[in-house]
Amino acid sequence: MIAFYLSLAALGAAGAALIRELAAAQARQRAALRRVHVNTADRSTRRG
């Protein structure tokens, strides 16, 4: 019975780590998109 609860706890920890990793990947993608947008805005103002 203890092994069952330990395995459930391990699955929960693995699931939480996976969710954290996915959230971090999304944050990196959003940050990359923001940087590109800011750079294009800076370039257009320099040309003008």
N, C-alpha and C. Protein backbone atom coordinates (compact mmCIF):
# COMPACT_ATOMS: atom_id res chain seq x y z
N MET A 1 0.83 -1.20 0.00
CA MET A 1 0.00 0.00 0.00
C MET A 1 0.86 1.25 0.00
N ILE A 2 1.95 1.22 0.76
CA ILE A 2 2.84 2.39 0.79
C ILE A 2 3.46 2.62 -0.58
N ALA A 3 3.80 1.53 -1.26
CA ALA A 3 4.39 1.66 -2.60
C ALA A 3 3.41 2.32 -3.56
N PHE A 4 2.15 2.02 -3.41
CA PHE A 4 1.11 2.63 -4.26
C PHE A 4 1.10 4.15 -4.06
N TYR A 5 1.09 4.59 -2.83
CA TYR A 5 1.07 6.02 -2.56
C TYR A 5 2.37 6.70 -3.00
N LEU A 6 3.49 5.99 -2.83
CA LEU A 6 4.76 6.55 -3.28
C LEU A 6 4.77 6.69 -4.81
N SER A 7 4.21 5.72 -5.50
CA SER A 7 4.17 5.82 -6.96
C SER A 7 3.23 6.95 -7.40
N LEU A 8 2.12 7.13 -6.69
CA LEU A 8 1.24 8.25 -6.99
C LEU A 8 1.95 9.58 -6.77
N ALA A 9 2.70 9.68 -5.70
CA ALA A 9 3.44 10.90 -5.42
C ALA A 9 4.49 11.15 -6.51
N ALA A 10 5.15 10.09 -6.96
CA ALA A 10 6.15 10.24 -8.01
C ALA A 10 5.50 10.69 -9.32
N LEU A 11 4.34 10.11 -9.64
CA LEU A 11 3.62 10.53 -10.85
C LEU A 11 3.19 11.99 -10.74
N GLY A 12 2.73 12.39 -9.59
CA GLY A 12 2.34 13.78 -9.39
C GLY A 12 3.51 14.73 -9.55
N ALA A 13 4.65 14.36 -9.01
CA ALA A 13 5.85 15.21 -9.13
C ALA A 13 6.30 15.29 -10.59
N ALA A 14 6.24 14.15 -11.29
CA ALA A 14 6.63 14.16 -12.71
C ALA A 14 5.67 15.02 -13.53
N GLY A 15 4.39 14.93 -13.22
CA GLY A 15 3.40 15.75 -13.92
C GLY A 15 3.61 17.23 -13.67
N ALA A 16 3.91 17.58 -12.44
CA ALA A 16 4.16 18.98 -12.11
C ALA A 16 5.41 19.49 -12.82
N ALA A 17 6.45 18.66 -12.89
CA ALA A 17 7.67 19.06 -13.58
C ALA A 17 7.41 19.25 -15.07
N LEU A 18 6.59 18.38 -15.64
CA LEU A 18 6.25 18.50 -17.06
C LEU A 18 5.48 19.79 -17.33
N ILE A 19 4.53 20.08 -16.47
CA ILE A 19 3.73 21.31 -16.63
C ILE A 19 4.64 22.54 -16.50
N ARG A 20 5.56 22.51 -15.55
CA ARG A 20 6.49 23.62 -15.38
C ARG A 20 7.36 23.81 -16.62
N GLU A 21 7.82 22.68 -17.19
CA GLU A 21 8.67 22.75 -18.38
C GLU A 21 7.89 23.32 -19.57
N LEU A 22 6.64 22.89 -19.73
CA LEU A 22 5.82 23.42 -20.82
C LEU A 22 5.57 24.91 -20.63
N ALA A 23 5.31 25.33 -19.40
CA ALA A 23 5.08 26.75 -19.14
C ALA A 23 6.35 27.55 -19.42
N ALA A 24 7.51 27.02 -19.07
CA ALA A 24 8.77 27.71 -19.34
C ALA A 24 9.02 27.82 -20.85
N ALA A 25 8.69 26.77 -21.59
CA ALA A 25 8.87 26.81 -23.04
C ALA A 25 7.96 27.86 -23.66
N GLN A 26 6.72 27.94 -23.19
CA GLN A 26 5.80 28.96 -23.69
C GLN A 26 6.31 30.35 -23.37
N ALA A 27 6.84 30.54 -22.19
CA ALA A 27 7.37 31.84 -21.80
C ALA A 27 8.56 32.22 -22.68
N ARG A 28 9.41 31.24 -23.00
CA ARG A 28 10.55 31.53 -23.89
C ARG A 28 10.05 31.92 -25.28
N GLN A 29 9.03 31.24 -25.78
CA GLN A 29 8.50 31.58 -27.10
C GLN A 29 7.91 32.98 -27.10
N ARG A 30 7.15 33.30 -26.07
CA ARG A 30 6.56 34.64 -25.98
C ARG A 30 7.64 35.71 -25.89
N ALA A 31 8.67 35.45 -25.12
CA ALA A 31 9.77 36.41 -24.99
C ALA A 31 10.47 36.60 -26.33
N ALA A 32 10.66 35.52 -27.07
CA ALA A 32 11.31 35.62 -28.38
C ALA A 32 10.44 36.44 -29.33
N LEU A 33 9.16 36.22 -29.31
CA LEU A 33 8.27 36.98 -30.18
C LEU A 33 8.28 38.45 -29.79
N ARG A 34 8.30 38.74 -28.52
CA ARG A 34 8.33 40.13 -28.07
C ARG A 34 9.61 40.82 -28.53
N ARG A 35 10.75 40.12 -28.44
CA ARG A 35 12.02 40.71 -28.84
C ARG A 35 12.01 41.05 -30.32
N VAL A 36 11.49 40.16 -31.15
CA VAL A 36 11.44 40.41 -32.59
C VAL A 36 10.57 41.62 -32.87
N HIS A 37 9.43 41.70 -32.20
CA HIS A 37 8.52 42.82 -32.41
C HIS A 37 9.18 44.13 -32.01
N VAL A 38 9.86 44.14 -30.89
CA VAL A 38 10.53 45.37 -30.43
C VAL A 38 11.63 45.75 -31.40
N ASN A 39 12.40 44.76 -31.89
CA ASN A 39 13.48 45.07 -32.83
C ASN A 39 12.94 45.65 -34.12
N THR A 40 11.86 45.13 -34.65
CA THR A 40 11.32 45.66 -35.90
C THR A 40 10.79 47.07 -35.66
N ALA A 41 10.23 47.33 -34.50
CA ALA A 41 9.75 48.67 -34.19
C ALA A 41 10.93 49.64 -34.11
N ASP A 42 12.03 49.19 -33.50
CA ASP A 42 13.20 50.06 -33.40
C ASP A 42 13.78 50.36 -34.79
N ARG A 43 13.82 49.35 -35.64
CA ARG A 43 14.38 49.56 -36.97
C ARG A 43 13.53 50.54 -37.76
N SER A 44 12.22 50.42 -37.66
CA SER A 44 11.35 51.31 -38.45
C SER A 44 11.51 52.74 -37.98
N THR A 45 11.70 52.95 -36.68
CA THR A 45 11.87 54.32 -36.20
C THR A 45 13.23 54.87 -36.59
N ARG A 46 14.25 54.02 -36.70
CA ARG A 46 15.57 54.50 -37.10
C ARG A 46 15.55 54.92 -38.58
N ARG A 47 14.84 54.13 -39.40
CA ARG A 47 14.78 54.46 -40.82
C ARG A 47 14.01 55.75 -41.05
N GLY A 48 12.98 55.97 -40.22
CA GLY A 48 12.16 57.16 -40.41
C GLY A 48 12.87 58.37 -39.92
